N, C-alpha and C. Protein backbone atom coordinates (compact mmCIF):
# COMPACT_ATOMS: atom_id res chain seq x y z
N MET A 1 21.03 14.62 -44.21
CA MET A 1 20.90 13.46 -44.96
C MET A 1 20.16 12.43 -44.27
N ALA A 2 19.38 11.70 -45.06
CA ALA A 2 18.53 10.76 -44.34
C ALA A 2 19.23 9.61 -43.80
N GLU A 3 18.53 8.90 -42.70
CA GLU A 3 19.19 7.90 -41.89
C GLU A 3 18.46 6.61 -42.25
N TYR A 4 19.08 5.46 -42.52
CA TYR A 4 18.44 4.30 -42.84
C TYR A 4 18.22 3.41 -41.56
N ILE A 5 17.01 3.11 -41.24
CA ILE A 5 16.71 2.29 -39.96
C ILE A 5 15.78 1.06 -40.36
N GLY A 6 15.78 0.08 -39.32
CA GLY A 6 14.95 -0.87 -39.38
C GLY A 6 14.28 -0.94 -38.12
N VAL A 7 12.89 -1.15 -38.20
CA VAL A 7 11.97 -1.42 -36.98
C VAL A 7 11.53 -2.71 -37.08
N SER A 8 11.75 -3.58 -36.04
CA SER A 8 11.22 -4.98 -36.00
C SER A 8 10.07 -4.98 -34.97
N ILE A 9 8.99 -5.53 -35.33
CA ILE A 9 7.79 -5.52 -34.52
C ILE A 9 7.17 -6.95 -34.56
N GLY A 10 6.51 -7.37 -33.60
CA GLY A 10 5.76 -8.57 -33.39
C GLY A 10 4.26 -8.43 -33.47
N ARG A 11 3.59 -9.43 -33.72
CA ARG A 11 2.07 -9.36 -33.79
C ARG A 11 1.48 -9.74 -32.55
N ASN A 12 2.00 -10.37 -31.73
CA ASN A 12 1.32 -10.76 -30.42
C ASN A 12 1.10 -9.66 -29.44
N VAL A 13 -0.03 -9.76 -28.74
CA VAL A 13 -0.21 -9.04 -27.54
C VAL A 13 -0.30 -10.21 -26.36
N GLY A 14 0.77 -10.14 -25.62
CA GLY A 14 1.09 -11.39 -24.74
C GLY A 14 1.30 -12.53 -25.66
N GLU A 15 0.37 -13.61 -25.34
CA GLU A 15 0.41 -14.79 -26.21
C GLU A 15 -0.48 -14.89 -27.35
N THR A 16 -1.27 -13.86 -27.46
CA THR A 16 -2.27 -13.74 -28.52
C THR A 16 -2.01 -12.86 -29.56
N PRO A 17 -2.08 -13.63 -30.85
CA PRO A 17 -1.97 -12.55 -31.97
C PRO A 17 -3.10 -11.49 -32.18
N MET A 18 -2.76 -10.25 -32.50
CA MET A 18 -3.77 -9.32 -32.89
C MET A 18 -4.43 -9.68 -34.01
N SER A 19 -5.72 -9.12 -34.25
CA SER A 19 -6.38 -9.48 -35.54
C SER A 19 -5.63 -9.01 -36.81
N ALA A 20 -5.98 -9.57 -37.95
CA ALA A 20 -5.32 -9.28 -39.30
C ALA A 20 -5.32 -7.77 -39.50
N SER A 21 -6.45 -7.17 -39.29
CA SER A 21 -6.66 -5.88 -39.62
C SER A 21 -5.97 -4.84 -38.56
N ARG A 22 -5.73 -5.29 -37.44
CA ARG A 22 -4.98 -4.50 -36.36
C ARG A 22 -3.44 -4.68 -36.70
N TRP A 23 -3.00 -5.83 -37.01
CA TRP A 23 -1.58 -6.14 -37.46
C TRP A 23 -1.30 -5.32 -38.69
N ALA A 24 -2.13 -5.23 -39.68
CA ALA A 24 -1.86 -4.43 -40.91
C ALA A 24 -1.83 -2.88 -40.51
N GLN A 25 -2.66 -2.49 -39.66
CA GLN A 25 -2.64 -1.15 -39.19
C GLN A 25 -1.36 -0.72 -38.47
N PHE A 26 -0.83 -1.60 -37.66
CA PHE A 26 0.35 -1.55 -36.88
C PHE A 26 1.49 -1.40 -37.76
N ARG A 27 1.64 -2.24 -38.75
CA ARG A 27 2.74 -2.08 -39.68
C ARG A 27 2.56 -0.94 -40.53
N ALA A 28 1.39 -0.38 -40.92
CA ALA A 28 1.16 0.84 -41.75
C ALA A 28 1.51 1.99 -40.85
N GLU A 29 1.36 2.06 -39.59
CA GLU A 29 1.77 3.20 -39.00
C GLU A 29 3.19 3.29 -38.68
N VAL A 30 3.87 2.14 -38.55
CA VAL A 30 5.34 2.12 -38.50
C VAL A 30 5.91 2.59 -39.89
N ALA A 31 5.30 2.21 -40.95
CA ALA A 31 5.75 2.46 -42.23
C ALA A 31 5.69 3.97 -42.62
N ALA A 32 4.61 4.61 -41.96
CA ALA A 32 4.39 5.94 -42.24
C ALA A 32 5.39 6.91 -41.51
N LEU A 33 6.26 6.34 -40.81
CA LEU A 33 7.24 7.18 -40.09
C LEU A 33 8.49 7.58 -40.95
N GLY A 34 8.54 7.03 -42.21
CA GLY A 34 9.64 7.57 -43.05
C GLY A 34 9.18 7.07 -44.51
N ASP A 35 10.29 7.01 -45.31
CA ASP A 35 10.26 6.52 -46.70
C ASP A 35 10.48 4.98 -46.68
N LEU A 36 9.47 4.26 -46.77
CA LEU A 36 9.66 2.76 -46.79
C LEU A 36 10.29 2.28 -47.91
N GLN A 37 11.47 1.53 -47.47
CA GLN A 37 12.30 0.83 -48.50
C GLN A 37 12.04 -0.74 -48.64
N ALA A 38 11.76 -1.37 -47.52
CA ALA A 38 11.54 -2.82 -47.65
C ALA A 38 10.75 -3.26 -46.45
N VAL A 39 10.09 -4.38 -46.69
CA VAL A 39 9.38 -4.97 -45.55
C VAL A 39 9.69 -6.41 -45.59
N LYS A 40 10.12 -7.01 -44.37
CA LYS A 40 10.35 -8.43 -44.38
C LYS A 40 9.52 -9.00 -43.28
N VAL A 41 8.72 -10.03 -43.70
CA VAL A 41 7.76 -10.61 -42.90
C VAL A 41 8.17 -11.96 -42.53
N GLY A 42 8.09 -12.47 -41.23
CA GLY A 42 8.40 -13.90 -40.93
C GLY A 42 7.91 -14.21 -39.62
N THR A 43 8.60 -15.04 -38.84
CA THR A 43 8.29 -15.29 -37.45
C THR A 43 9.54 -15.04 -36.57
N ALA A 44 9.27 -14.73 -35.41
CA ALA A 44 10.24 -14.50 -34.27
C ALA A 44 9.71 -14.97 -33.11
N GLU A 45 10.68 -14.90 -32.05
CA GLU A 45 10.36 -15.32 -30.74
C GLU A 45 10.65 -14.12 -29.74
N TRP A 46 9.59 -13.96 -28.86
CA TRP A 46 9.69 -13.02 -27.79
C TRP A 46 9.38 -13.65 -26.45
N GLU A 47 10.27 -13.70 -25.60
CA GLU A 47 10.01 -14.21 -24.23
C GLU A 47 9.43 -15.59 -24.27
N GLY A 48 9.98 -16.52 -25.36
CA GLY A 48 9.68 -17.85 -25.36
C GLY A 48 8.48 -18.27 -26.17
N VAL A 49 7.91 -17.13 -26.82
CA VAL A 49 6.59 -17.33 -27.57
C VAL A 49 6.81 -17.10 -28.92
N ARG A 50 6.59 -17.96 -29.87
CA ARG A 50 6.71 -17.68 -31.31
C ARG A 50 5.61 -16.80 -31.81
N GLU A 51 5.87 -15.85 -32.70
CA GLU A 51 4.87 -15.00 -33.28
C GLU A 51 5.14 -14.53 -34.65
N ASP A 52 4.17 -14.09 -35.46
CA ASP A 52 4.55 -13.37 -36.73
C ASP A 52 5.26 -12.11 -36.27
N SER A 53 6.11 -11.70 -37.28
CA SER A 53 6.94 -10.55 -36.98
C SER A 53 7.15 -9.91 -38.33
N ALA A 54 7.56 -8.58 -38.38
CA ALA A 54 7.91 -7.85 -39.53
C ALA A 54 9.07 -6.96 -39.24
N THR A 55 9.85 -6.72 -40.12
CA THR A 55 10.98 -5.69 -40.08
C THR A 55 10.80 -4.76 -41.24
N LEU A 56 10.51 -3.41 -40.89
CA LEU A 56 10.36 -2.34 -41.96
C LEU A 56 11.56 -1.53 -41.89
N GLU A 57 12.05 -1.38 -43.19
CA GLU A 57 13.29 -0.67 -43.33
C GLU A 57 12.84 0.75 -43.94
N LEU A 58 13.30 1.87 -43.34
CA LEU A 58 12.78 3.13 -43.62
C LEU A 58 14.08 4.08 -43.82
N LEU A 59 13.76 5.10 -44.64
CA LEU A 59 14.74 6.21 -44.58
C LEU A 59 14.02 7.39 -43.88
N VAL A 60 14.59 7.90 -42.91
CA VAL A 60 14.08 8.88 -42.01
C VAL A 60 15.06 10.17 -41.96
N ASP A 61 14.40 11.39 -41.81
CA ASP A 61 15.24 12.66 -41.82
C ASP A 61 15.86 12.79 -40.40
N ASP A 62 15.12 12.39 -39.30
CA ASP A 62 15.50 12.77 -37.82
C ASP A 62 15.15 11.52 -37.08
N LEU A 63 16.15 10.69 -36.74
CA LEU A 63 16.07 9.57 -35.85
C LEU A 63 15.53 9.86 -34.45
N ASP A 64 16.13 10.99 -33.99
CA ASP A 64 15.59 11.32 -32.61
C ASP A 64 14.12 11.66 -32.54
N ALA A 65 13.74 12.35 -33.68
CA ALA A 65 12.23 12.62 -33.62
C ALA A 65 11.21 11.39 -33.79
N ILE A 66 11.87 10.44 -34.40
CA ILE A 66 11.10 9.08 -34.67
C ILE A 66 11.01 8.25 -33.29
N ARG A 67 11.95 8.38 -32.47
CA ARG A 67 11.95 7.43 -31.31
C ARG A 67 10.64 7.79 -30.36
N PRO A 68 10.28 8.84 -29.90
CA PRO A 68 9.02 8.95 -29.31
C PRO A 68 7.79 8.61 -30.04
N GLU A 69 7.78 8.78 -31.39
CA GLU A 69 6.63 8.40 -32.23
C GLU A 69 6.50 6.87 -32.11
N LEU A 70 7.62 6.24 -32.25
CA LEU A 70 7.74 4.73 -32.20
C LEU A 70 7.21 4.19 -31.02
N ALA A 71 7.67 4.83 -29.86
CA ALA A 71 7.28 4.45 -28.63
C ALA A 71 5.83 4.56 -28.38
N ALA A 72 5.23 5.68 -28.84
CA ALA A 72 3.72 5.86 -28.70
C ALA A 72 3.06 4.78 -29.61
N ILE A 73 3.54 4.44 -30.83
CA ILE A 73 2.90 3.46 -31.56
C ILE A 73 3.02 2.03 -30.88
N ALA A 74 4.17 1.86 -30.35
CA ALA A 74 4.26 0.56 -29.50
C ALA A 74 3.20 0.38 -28.46
N ALA A 75 3.09 1.48 -27.75
CA ALA A 75 2.15 1.62 -26.56
C ALA A 75 0.69 1.30 -27.07
N LYS A 76 0.40 2.00 -28.13
CA LYS A 76 -1.02 2.01 -28.87
C LYS A 76 -1.42 0.61 -29.13
N TYR A 77 -0.27 -0.26 -29.59
CA TYR A 77 -0.50 -1.60 -30.00
C TYR A 77 -0.21 -2.66 -28.90
N ASP A 78 -0.07 -2.13 -27.71
CA ASP A 78 0.20 -3.04 -26.54
C ASP A 78 1.50 -3.95 -26.64
N GLN A 79 2.46 -3.32 -27.11
CA GLN A 79 3.75 -4.00 -27.27
C GLN A 79 4.71 -3.77 -26.12
N ASP A 80 5.34 -4.80 -25.63
CA ASP A 80 6.40 -4.71 -24.49
C ASP A 80 7.52 -3.77 -25.12
N ALA A 81 7.83 -3.99 -26.35
CA ALA A 81 8.95 -3.34 -27.01
C ALA A 81 9.03 -3.43 -28.59
N VAL A 82 9.74 -2.69 -29.15
CA VAL A 82 10.03 -2.90 -30.64
C VAL A 82 11.49 -2.74 -30.82
N GLY A 83 12.03 -3.40 -31.75
CA GLY A 83 13.32 -3.22 -32.14
C GLY A 83 13.65 -2.13 -33.12
N LEU A 84 14.71 -1.47 -32.93
CA LEU A 84 15.17 -0.41 -33.74
C LEU A 84 16.70 -0.51 -34.05
N TRP A 85 16.99 -0.48 -35.32
CA TRP A 85 18.34 -0.43 -35.55
C TRP A 85 18.68 0.65 -36.59
N GLN A 86 19.97 1.13 -36.70
CA GLN A 86 20.35 2.05 -37.67
C GLN A 86 21.46 1.53 -38.39
N ALA A 87 21.50 1.64 -39.85
CA ALA A 87 22.45 1.30 -40.73
C ALA A 87 23.18 2.41 -41.30
N GLU A 88 24.41 2.15 -41.62
CA GLU A 88 25.22 3.31 -42.30
C GLU A 88 24.98 3.13 -43.84
N LEU A 89 24.73 4.18 -44.56
CA LEU A 89 24.65 4.06 -46.11
C LEU A 89 26.11 4.38 -46.54
N ILE A 90 26.55 3.43 -47.36
CA ILE A 90 27.72 3.65 -48.02
C ILE A 90 27.58 3.76 -49.51
N ASN A 91 27.93 4.88 -49.89
CA ASN A 91 27.75 5.18 -51.43
C ASN A 91 28.88 5.04 -52.06
N ARG A 92 28.83 4.61 -53.32
CA ARG A 92 30.07 4.48 -54.16
C ARG A 92 30.68 5.73 -54.50
N SER A 93 31.93 5.75 -54.61
CA SER A 93 32.72 6.99 -54.94
C SER A 93 32.67 7.39 -56.33
């Protein structure tokens, strides 16, 4: 059964926003980790600095397999961290 996850990412590298094309590619690489369900774009704060942010909601087959891929993507885009949450899907009876 697929698992529903959210991945929250920020645009900044330190206090400097990455270019628009790099930001788009970062979001695309995260989205490619599963079956994209929703994208929420806004602003957030990391260590006292406001930045553009995005939360991508995905269905994935194997959360444990996604974790190292997500860590590699975060490193590639010079991120200190990314947020990962898992939701429970409740189906009607």
